[in-house]
Protein backbone atom coordinates (compact mmCIF):
# COMPACT_ATOMS: atom_id res chain seq x y z
CA MET A 1 127.41 64.39 46.96
CA LEU A 2 126.17 63.78 50.82
CA LEU A 3 124.38 60.50 51.23
CA LEU A 4 123.07 58.94 54.33
CA SER A 5 122.94 54.87 54.44
CA LYS A 6 120.29 53.39 55.93
CA GLU A 7 122.45 52.51 59.24
CA GLY A 8 122.71 56.60 59.76
CA VAL A 9 126.38 56.84 58.57
CA LEU A 10 126.76 60.27 56.80
CA HIS A 11 129.76 59.83 53.87
CA MET A 12 129.96 61.55 50.56
CA ASP A 13 131.59 60.65 47.13
CA CYS A 14 134.88 61.64 46.74
CA PRO A 15 135.48 64.42 43.67
CA ARG A 16 138.74 63.19 42.77
CA CYS A 17 138.67 59.41 42.78
CA LYS A 18 134.40 58.86 43.10
CA GLY A 19 135.33 56.44 46.24
CA ILE A 20 133.52 56.79 49.17
CA MET A 21 134.71 60.02 51.78
CA ILE A 22 133.92 59.53 55.54
CA GLN A 23 134.03 62.39 58.24
CA ASP A 24 137.16 62.79 60.08
CA LYS A 25 139.05 64.95 62.67
CA PHE A 26 142.50 66.66 62.03
CA GLY A 27 145.33 67.82 64.04
CA ASP A 28 147.09 70.93 62.76
CA VAL A 29 149.92 73.14 64.07
CA ALA A 30 148.39 76.03 65.67
CA ASP A 31 150.27 79.28 67.34
CA GLU A 32 151.55 79.28 70.53
CA ALA A 33 148.80 77.35 72.54
CA GLY A 34 149.02 74.32 70.26
CA ALA A 35 147.25 71.50 68.25
CA MET A 36 144.40 72.81 66.52
CA TYR A 37 141.64 70.62 65.90
CA PHE A 38 139.06 70.71 62.72
CA SER A 39 136.34 68.16 61.28
CA GLY A 40 136.44 67.50 57.58
CA TRP A 41 136.55 64.81 54.99
CA ARG A 42 138.82 62.03 54.32
CA CYS A 43 138.60 59.38 51.10
CA ILE A 44 139.28 55.69 52.26
CA THR A 45 140.18 55.12 48.70
CA CYS A 46 143.25 58.10 47.63
CA GLY A 47 142.98 59.95 51.24
CA GLU A 48 141.77 63.02 49.70
CA ILE A 49 140.96 65.74 52.78
CA LEU A 50 138.41 68.28 51.97
CA ASP A 51 137.35 70.50 54.35
CA PRO A 52 135.46 74.37 54.67
CA VAL A 53 138.72 76.25 53.60
CA ILE A 54 139.68 73.75 50.65
CA ALA A 55 136.67 73.78 49.78
CA ALA A 56 135.99 77.77 49.87
CA ASN A 57 139.83 78.18 47.88
CA ARG A 58 138.50 75.63 45.27
CA GLN A 59 135.67 77.43 44.64
CA ASN A 60 137.39 80.93 44.41
CA HIS A 61 140.17 79.08 42.01
CA HIS A 62 140.87 80.18 38.58
CA GLU A 63 141.80 78.21 35.69
CA PRO A 64 145.06 78.62 34.06
CA LEU A 65 144.46 80.68 30.43
CA VAL A 66 144.99 78.24 27.83
CA GLY A 67 147.67 78.96 25.69
CA ARG A 68 149.66 81.34 27.02
CA SER A 69 152.33 79.48 28.68
CA ARG A 70 155.30 81.50 30.07
CA LYS A 71 157.73 80.32 27.15
CA LYS A 72 155.52 81.89 24.91
CA PHE A 73 154.88 84.94 26.81
CA ALA A 74 158.47 85.06 27.11
CA THR A 75 159.30 85.31 23.52
CA GLN A 76 156.43 87.89 22.74
CA LEU A 77 158.34 90.25 25.44
CA GLY A 78 161.99 90.22 23.52
């Protein structure tokens, strides 16, 4: 949830710990051209980082199948 305080500061609730997330800039290693900078959100309590790529990957992530552990599946084959 995005919130705008009366001082005009934009922040968001952390999905992990429900703490306050603030907008931040991050640096990453790019190709031969050097560093790549991007904007995202960082939780000031737990350090969780969210950006558009992370959010999209989490939306497209499927939950694991319940009751289909590797050991159970292997015993069914043998």
